[in-house]
Amino acid sequence: MNYFIQNKYTKWYFVLVNKAKERNWSKNSEFYVENHHIIPKSIEKNNDVVCLLAREHFIVHRLLVKMTEGKNRSK
């Protein structure tokens, strides 16, 4: 199940997501974090979530637009 175009944006997306996984923060962290579904719920129903800093969350949503196409693309 490959949902994403293989390009530099996909690579950058997973670098940020993997960094967040390694930090293993939660909503109770000392920093302001936002939950993010690794594979958007609009593409696949799942509960795989990471906590991202607000700026990271903004960036990954910008990247999602550049790494999807067709019916998976955000509107």
PDB file of N, CA and C in Angstrom:
ATOM      1  N   MET A   1       0.836  -1.189   0.000  1.00  0.00           N
ATOM      2  CA  MET A   1       0.000   0.000   0.000  1.00  0.00           C
ATOM      3  C   MET A   1       0.876   1.246   0.000  1.00  0.00           C
ATOM      4  N   ASN A   2       1.188   1.714  -1.165  1.00  0.00           N
ATOM      5  CA  ASN A   2       1.996   2.916  -1.270  1.00  0.00           C
ATOM      6  C   ASN A   2       1.079   4.100  -1.551  1.00  0.00           C
ATOM      7  N   TYR A   3       0.922   4.947  -0.572  1.00  0.00           N
ATOM      8  CA  TYR A   3       0.011   6.082  -0.689  1.00  0.00           C
ATOM      9  C   TYR A   3       0.697   7.328  -1.216  1.00  0.00           C
ATOM     10  N   PHE A   4       2.003   7.356  -1.177  1.00  0.00           N
ATOM     11  CA  PHE A   4       2.733   8.579  -1.447  1.00  0.00           C
ATOM     12  C   PHE A   4       3.624   8.464  -2.676  1.00  0.00           C
ATOM     13  N   ILE A   5       3.789   9.585  -3.374  1.00  0.00           N
ATOM     14  CA  ILE A   5       4.727   9.685  -4.484  1.00  0.00           C
ATOM     15  C   ILE A   5       6.135   9.606  -3.895  1.00  0.00           C
ATOM     16  N   GLN A   6       7.016   8.907  -4.538  1.00  0.00           N
ATOM     17  CA  GLN A   6       8.397   8.824  -4.057  1.00  0.00           C
ATOM     18  C   GLN A   6       9.171  10.029  -4.585  1.00  0.00           C
ATOM     19  N   ASN A   7       9.274  11.045  -3.744  1.00  0.00           N
ATOM     20  CA  ASN A   7      10.009  12.255  -4.102  1.00  0.00           C
ATOM     21  C   ASN A   7      10.687  12.828  -2.861  1.00  0.00           C
ATOM     22  N   LYS A   8      11.348  13.952  -3.013  1.00  0.00           N
ATOM     23  CA  LYS A   8      12.087  14.538  -1.892  1.00  0.00           C
ATOM     24  C   LYS A   8      11.156  14.967  -0.762  1.00  0.00           C
ATOM     25  N   TYR A   9       9.918  15.339  -1.092  1.00  0.00           N
ATOM     26  CA  TYR A   9       8.972  15.775  -0.068  1.00  0.00           C
ATOM     27  C   TYR A   9       8.566  14.611   0.832  1.00  0.00           C
ATOM     28  N   THR A  10       8.408  13.445   0.238  1.00  0.00           N
ATOM     29  CA  THR A  10       8.092  12.245   1.010  1.00  0.00           C
ATOM     30  C   THR A  10       9.256  11.913   1.934  1.00  0.00           C
ATOM     31  N   LYS A  11      10.460  12.037   1.428  1.00  0.00           N
ATOM     32  CA  LYS A  11      11.646  11.771   2.240  1.00  0.00           C
ATOM     33  C   LYS A  11      11.696  12.732   3.420  1.00  0.00           C
ATOM     34  N   TRP A  12      11.492  14.022   3.195  1.00  0.00           N
ATOM     35  CA  TRP A  12      11.521  15.018   4.259  1.00  0.00           C
ATOM     36  C   TRP A  12      10.415  14.759   5.291  1.00  0.00           C
ATOM     37  N   TYR A  13       9.240  14.370   4.788  1.00  0.00           N
ATOM     38  CA  TYR A  13       8.100  14.070   5.660  1.00  0.00           C
ATOM     39  C   TYR A  13       8.477  12.975   6.659  1.00  0.00           C
ATOM     40  N   PHE A  14       9.032  11.881   6.152  1.00  0.00           N
ATOM     41  CA  PHE A  14       9.348  10.762   7.033  1.00  0.00           C
ATOM     42  C   PHE A  14      10.561  11.035   7.915  1.00  0.00           C
ATOM     43  N   VAL A  15      11.445  11.936   7.515  1.00  0.00           N
ATOM     44  CA  VAL A  15      12.522  12.357   8.406  1.00  0.00           C
ATOM     45  C   VAL A  15      11.927  13.047   9.631  1.00  0.00           C
ATOM     46  N   LEU A  16      10.975  13.963   9.417  1.00  0.00           N
ATOM     47  CA  LEU A  16      10.332  14.655  10.534  1.00  0.00           C
ATOM     48  C   LEU A  16       9.519  13.700  11.402  1.00  0.00           C
ATOM     49  N   VAL A  17       8.764  12.809  10.775  1.00  0.00           N
ATOM     50  CA  VAL A  17       7.942  11.858  11.524  1.00  0.00           C
ATOM     51  C   VAL A  17       8.828  10.915  12.346  1.00  0.00           C
ATOM     52  N   ASN A  18       9.898  10.421  11.758  1.00  0.00           N
ATOM     53  CA  ASN A  18      10.797   9.514  12.489  1.00  0.00           C
ATOM     54  C   ASN A  18      11.501  10.218  13.640  1.00  0.00           C
ATOM     55  N   LYS A  19      11.837  11.487  13.442  1.00  0.00           N
ATOM     56  CA  LYS A  19      12.442  12.264  14.524  1.00  0.00           C
ATOM     57  C   LYS A  19      11.454  12.377  15.694  1.00  0.00           C
ATOM     58  N   ALA A  20      10.190  12.608  15.374  1.00  0.00           N
ATOM     59  CA  ALA A  20       9.159  12.709  16.410  1.00  0.00           C
ATOM     60  C   ALA A  20       8.949  11.371  17.113  1.00  0.00           C
ATOM     61  N   LYS A  21       9.005  10.283  16.361  1.00  0.00           N
ATOM     62  CA  LYS A  21       8.877   8.954  16.977  1.00  0.00           C
ATOM     63  C   LYS A  21      10.009   8.705  17.967  1.00  0.00           C
ATOM     64  N   GLU A  22      11.223   9.092  17.598  1.00  0.00           N
ATOM     65  CA  GLU A  22      12.375   8.894  18.472  1.00  0.00           C
ATOM     66  C   GLU A  22      12.257   9.710  19.759  1.00  0.00           C
ATOM     67  N   ARG A  23      11.702  10.922  19.676  1.00  0.00           N
ATOM     68  CA  ARG A  23      11.517  11.751  20.870  1.00  0.00           C
ATOM     69  C   ARG A  23      10.515  11.124  21.816  1.00  0.00           C
ATOM     70  N   ASN A  24       9.502  10.468  21.227  1.00  0.00           N
ATOM     71  CA  ASN A  24       8.479   9.770  22.001  1.00  0.00           C
ATOM     72  C   ASN A  24       7.777  10.688  23.010  1.00  0.00           C
ATOM     73  N   TRP A  25       7.458  11.900  22.586  1.00  0.00           N
ATOM     74  CA  TRP A  25       6.745  12.841  23.442  1.00  0.00           C
ATOM     75  C   TRP A  25       5.269  12.485  23.494  1.00  0.00           C
ATOM     76  N   SER A  26       4.584  13.023  24.486  1.00  0.00           N
ATOM     77  CA  SER A  26       3.136  12.864  24.591  1.00  0.00           C
ATOM     78  C   SER A  26       2.519  14.242  24.803  1.00  0.00           C
ATOM     79  N   LYS A  27       1.202  14.289  24.871  1.00  0.00           N
ATOM     80  CA  LYS A  27       0.509  15.558  25.093  1.00  0.00           C
ATOM     81  C   LYS A  27       0.871  16.150  26.448  1.00  0.00           C
ATOM     82  N   ASN A  28       1.408  15.345  27.355  1.00  0.00           N
ATOM     83  CA  ASN A  28       1.799  15.822  28.684  1.00  0.00           C
ATOM     84  C   ASN A  28       3.231  16.338  28.716  1.00  0.00           C
ATOM     85  N   SER A  29       3.810  16.517  27.565  1.00  0.00           N
ATOM     86  CA  SER A  29       5.181  16.996  27.457  1.00  0.00           C
ATOM     87  C   SER A  29       5.287  18.424  27.974  1.00  0.00           C
ATOM     88  N   GLU A  30       6.517  18.840  28.293  1.00  0.00           N
ATOM     89  CA  GLU A  30       6.725  20.215  28.762  1.00  0.00           C
ATOM     90  C   GLU A  30       6.603  21.232  27.628  1.00  0.00           C
ATOM     91  N   PHE A  31       6.615  20.755  26.382  1.00  0.00           N
ATOM     92  CA  PHE A  31       6.480  21.625  25.216  1.00  0.00           C
ATOM     93  C   PHE A  31       5.071  21.527  24.654  1.00  0.00           C
ATOM     94  N   TYR A  32       4.666  22.563  23.904  1.00  0.00           N
ATOM     95  CA  TYR A  32       3.387  22.498  23.206  1.00  0.00           C
ATOM     96  C   TYR A  32       3.556  21.579  22.005  1.00  0.00           C
ATOM     97  N   VAL A  33       2.770  20.519  21.950  1.00  0.00           N
ATOM     98  CA  VAL A  33       2.829  19.578  20.842  1.00  0.00           C
ATOM     99  C   VAL A  33       1.426  19.335  20.297  1.00  0.00           C
ATOM    100  N   GLU A  34       1.385  18.889  19.053  1.00  0.00           N
ATOM    101  CA  GLU A  34       0.123  18.577  18.389  1.00  0.00           C
ATOM    102  C   GLU A  34       0.193  17.155  17.860  1.00  0.00           C
ATOM    103  N   ASN A  35      -0.912  16.419  18.001  1.00  0.00           N
ATOM    104  CA  ASN A  35      -0.978  15.057  17.477  1.00  0.00           C
ATOM    105  C   ASN A  35      -1.106  15.095  15.960  1.00  0.00           C
ATOM    106  N   HIS A  36      -0.448  14.143  15.311  1.00  0.00           N
ATOM    107  CA  HIS A  36      -0.498  14.056  13.852  1.00  0.00           C
ATOM    108  C   HIS A  36      -0.581  12.597  13.446  1.00  0.00           C
ATOM    109  N   HIS A  37      -1.579  12.249  12.634  1.00  0.00           N
ATOM    110  CA  HIS A  37      -1.676  10.892  12.096  1.00  0.00           C
ATOM    111  C   HIS A  37      -0.623  10.737  11.003  1.00  0.00           C
ATOM    112  N   ILE A  38       0.207   9.725  11.137  1.00  0.00           N
ATOM    113  CA  ILE A  38       1.304   9.529  10.189  1.00  0.00           C
ATOM    114  C   ILE A  38       0.747   9.333   8.783  1.00  0.00           C
ATOM    115  N   ILE A  39      -0.208   8.446   8.626  1.00  0.00           N
ATOM    116  CA  ILE A  39      -0.949   8.330   7.364  1.00  0.00           C
ATOM    117  C   ILE A  39      -2.309   8.975   7.637  1.00  0.00           C
ATOM    118  N   PRO A  40      -2.641  10.043   6.926  1.00  0.00           N
ATOM    119  CA  PRO A  40      -3.885  10.763   7.219  1.00  0.00           C
ATOM    120  C   PRO A  40      -5.108   9.841   7.248  1.00  0.00           C
ATOM    121  N   LYS A  41      -6.025  10.147   8.161  1.00  0.00           N
ATOM    122  CA  LYS A  41      -7.236   9.339   8.300  1.00  0.00           C
ATOM    123  C   LYS A  41      -8.068   9.365   7.027  1.00  0.00           C
ATOM    124  N   SER A  42      -7.945  10.404   6.226  1.00  0.00           N
ATOM    125  CA  SER A  42      -8.700  10.469   4.973  1.00  0.00           C
ATOM    126  C   SER A  42      -8.190   9.444   3.954  1.00  0.00           C
ATOM    127  N   ILE A  43      -6.966   8.984   4.118  1.00  0.00           N
ATOM    128  CA  ILE A  43      -6.389   7.982   3.222  1.00  0.00           C
ATOM    129  C   ILE A  43      -6.618   6.584   3.780  1.00  0.00           C
ATOM    130  N   GLU A  44      -6.355   6.409   5.067  1.00  0.00           N
ATOM    131  CA  GLU A  44      -6.520   5.098   5.702  1.00  0.00           C
ATOM    132  C   GLU A  44      -6.897   5.297   7.169  1.00  0.00           C
ATOM    133  N   LYS A  45      -7.930   4.619   7.610  1.00  0.00           N
ATOM    134  CA  LYS A  45      -8.324   4.687   9.019  1.00  0.00           C
ATOM    135  C   LYS A  45      -7.237   4.031   9.856  1.00  0.00           C
ATOM    136  N   ASN A  46      -6.636   4.786  10.777  1.00  0.00           N
ATOM    137  CA  ASN A  46      -5.554   4.253  11.601  1.00  0.00           C
ATOM    138  C   ASN A  46      -5.415   5.073  12.873  1.00  0.00           C
ATOM    139  N   ASN A  47      -4.632   4.571  13.776  1.00  0.00           N
ATOM    140  CA  ASN A  47      -4.372   5.262  15.037  1.00  0.00           C
ATOM    141  C   ASN A  47      -2.889   5.510  15.246  1.00  0.00           C
ATOM    142  N   ASP A  48      -2.118   5.504  14.175  1.00  0.00           N
ATOM    143  CA  ASP A  48      -0.676   5.768  14.271  1.00  0.00           C
ATOM    144  C   ASP A  48      -0.452   7.269  14.357  1.00  0.00           C
ATOM    145  N   VAL A  49      -0.135   7.735  15.566  1.00  0.00           N
ATOM    146  CA  VAL A  49      -0.034   9.168  15.827  1.00  0.00           C
ATOM    147  C   VAL A  49       1.331   9.476  16.424  1.00  0.00           C
ATOM    148  N   VAL A  50       1.878  10.632  16.038  1.00  0.00           N
ATOM    149  CA  VAL A  50       3.088  11.157  16.672  1.00  0.00           C
ATOM    150  C   VAL A  50       2.790  12.556  17.168  1.00  0.00           C
ATOM    151  N   CYS A  51       3.551  13.002  18.140  1.00  0.00           N
ATOM    152  CA  CYS A  51       3.423  14.373  18.647  1.00  0.00           C
ATOM    153  C   CYS A  51       4.487  15.237  17.996  1.00  0.00           C
ATOM    154  N   LEU A  52       4.033  16.283  17.334  1.00  0.00           N
ATOM    155  CA  LEU A  52       4.934  17.199  16.633  1.00  0.00           C
ATOM    156  C   LEU A  52       4.854  18.582  17.261  1.00  0.00           C
ATOM    157  N   LEU A  53       5.950  19.317  17.196  1.00  0.00           N
ATOM    158  CA  LEU A  53       5.900  20.728  17.543  1.00  0.00           C
ATOM    159  C   LEU A  53       5.011  21.435  16.534  1.00  0.00           C
ATOM    160  N   ALA A  54       4.457  22.574  16.905  1.00  0.00           N
ATOM    161  CA  ALA A  54       3.518  23.280  16.030  1.00  0.00           C
ATOM    162  C   ALA A  54       4.130  23.563  14.657  1.00  0.00           C
ATOM    163  N   ARG A  55       5.370  24.017  14.615  1.00  0.00           N
ATOM    164  CA  ARG A  55       6.027  24.314  13.336  1.00  0.00           C
ATOM    165  C   ARG A  55       6.205  23.052  12.508  1.00  0.00           C
ATOM    166  N   GLU A  56       6.602  21.951  13.144  1.00  0.00           N
ATOM    167  CA  GLU A  56       6.742  20.689  12.428  1.00  0.00           C
ATOM    168  C   GLU A  56       5.393  20.242  11.863  1.00  0.00           C
ATOM    169  N   HIS A  57       4.338  20.423  12.640  1.00  0.00           N
ATOM    170  CA  HIS A  57       3.009  20.019  12.190  1.00  0.00           C
ATOM    171  C   HIS A  57       2.594  20.811  10.947  1.00  0.00           C
ATOM    172  N   PHE A  58       2.859  22.103  10.969  1.00  0.00           N
ATOM    173  CA  PHE A  58       2.577  22.949   9.806  1.00  0.00           C
ATOM    174  C   PHE A  58       3.354  22.451   8.587  1.00  0.00           C
ATOM    175  N   ILE A  59       4.637  22.161   8.778  1.00  0.00           N
ATOM    176  CA  ILE A  59       5.495  21.730   7.675  1.00  0.00           C
ATOM    177  C   ILE A  59       5.034  20.395   7.096  1.00  0.00           C
ATOM    178  N   VAL A  60       4.706  19.416   7.952  1.00  0.00           N
ATOM    179  CA  VAL A  60       4.321  18.110   7.413  1.00  0.00           C
ATOM    180  C   VAL A  60       3.020  18.191   6.626  1.00  0.00           C
ATOM    181  N   HIS A  61       2.119  19.086   7.007  1.00  0.00           N
ATOM    182  CA  HIS A  61       0.892  19.230   6.219  1.00  0.00           C
ATOM    183  C   HIS A  61       1.175  19.890   4.870  1.00  0.00           C
ATOM    184  N   ARG A  62       2.134  20.795   4.822  1.00  0.00           N
ATOM    185  CA  ARG A  62       2.543  21.368   3.534  1.00  0.00           C
ATOM    186  C   ARG A  62       3.193  20.294   2.661  1.00  0.00           C
ATOM    187  N   LEU A  63       3.984  19.420   3.271  1.00  0.00           N
ATOM    188  CA  LEU A  63       4.636  18.347   2.531  1.00  0.00           C
ATOM    189  C   LEU A  63       3.625  17.335   2.012  1.00  0.00           C
ATOM    190  N   LEU A  64       2.584  17.049   2.789  1.00  0.00           N
ATOM    191  CA  LEU A  64       1.572  16.077   2.360  1.00  0.00           C
ATOM    192  C   LEU A  64       0.950  16.462   1.023  1.00  0.00           C
ATOM    193  N   VAL A  65       0.750  17.749   0.802  1.00  0.00           N
ATOM    194  CA  VAL A  65       0.173  18.211  -0.462  1.00  0.00           C
ATOM    195  C   VAL A  65       1.106  17.897  -1.626  1.00  0.00           C
ATOM    196  N   LYS A  66       2.406  17.970  -1.393  1.00  0.00           N
ATOM    197  CA  LYS A  66       3.386  17.758  -2.456  1.00  0.00           C
ATOM    198  C   LYS A  66       3.755  16.293  -2.662  1.00  0.00           C
ATOM    199  N   MET A  67       3.290  15.430  -1.770  1.00  0.00           N
ATOM    200  CA  MET A  67       3.668  14.017  -1.866  1.00  0.00           C
ATOM    201  C   MET A  67       2.499  13.088  -2.130  1.00  0.00           C
ATOM    202  N   THR A  68       1.342  13.666  -2.441  1.00  0.00           N
ATOM    203  CA  THR A  68       0.174  12.854  -2.784  1.00  0.00           C
ATOM    204  C   THR A  68      -0.389  13.311  -4.118  1.00  0.00           C
ATOM    205  N   GLU A  69      -1.199  12.457  -4.720  1.00  0.00           N
ATOM    206  CA  GLU A  69      -1.852  12.808  -5.990  1.00  0.00           C
ATOM    207  C   GLU A  69      -3.191  12.104  -6.068  1.00  0.00           C
ATOM    208  N   GLY A  70      -4.005  12.529  -7.003  1.00  0.00           N
ATOM    209  CA  GLY A  70      -5.290  11.872  -7.233  1.00  0.00           C
ATOM    210  C   GLY A  70      -6.222  11.978  -6.053  1.00  0.00           C
ATOM    211  N   LYS A  71      -6.934  10.885  -5.773  1.00  0.00           N
ATOM    212  CA  LYS A  71      -7.936  10.899  -4.705  1.00  0.00           C
ATOM    213  C   LYS A  71      -7.334  11.077  -3.322  1.00  0.00           C
ATOM    214  N   ASN A  72      -6.035  10.813  -3.147  1.00  0.00           N
ATOM    215  CA  ASN A  72      -5.386  10.963  -1.866  1.00  0.00           C
ATOM    216  C   ASN A  72      -4.982  12.400  -1.574  1.00  0.00           C
ATOM    217  N   ARG A  73      -5.012  13.242  -2.584  1.00  0.00           N
ATOM    218  CA  ARG A  73      -4.543  14.613  -2.427  1.00  0.00           C
ATOM    219  C   ARG A  73      -5.509  15.437  -1.577  1.00  0.00           C
ATOM    220  N   SER A  74      -4.956  16.227  -0.678  1.00  0.00           N
ATOM    221  CA  SER A  74      -5.779  17.093   0.174  1.00  0.00           C
ATOM    222  C   SER A  74      -6.451  18.154  -0.682  1.00  0.00           C
ATOM    223  N   LYS A  75      -7.613  18.543  -0.260  1.00  0.00           N
ATOM    224  CA  LYS A  75      -8.357  19.567  -1.012  1.00  0.00           C
ATOM    225  C   LYS A  75      -8.053  20.934  -0.507  1.00  0.00           C
TER     226      LYS A  75
END
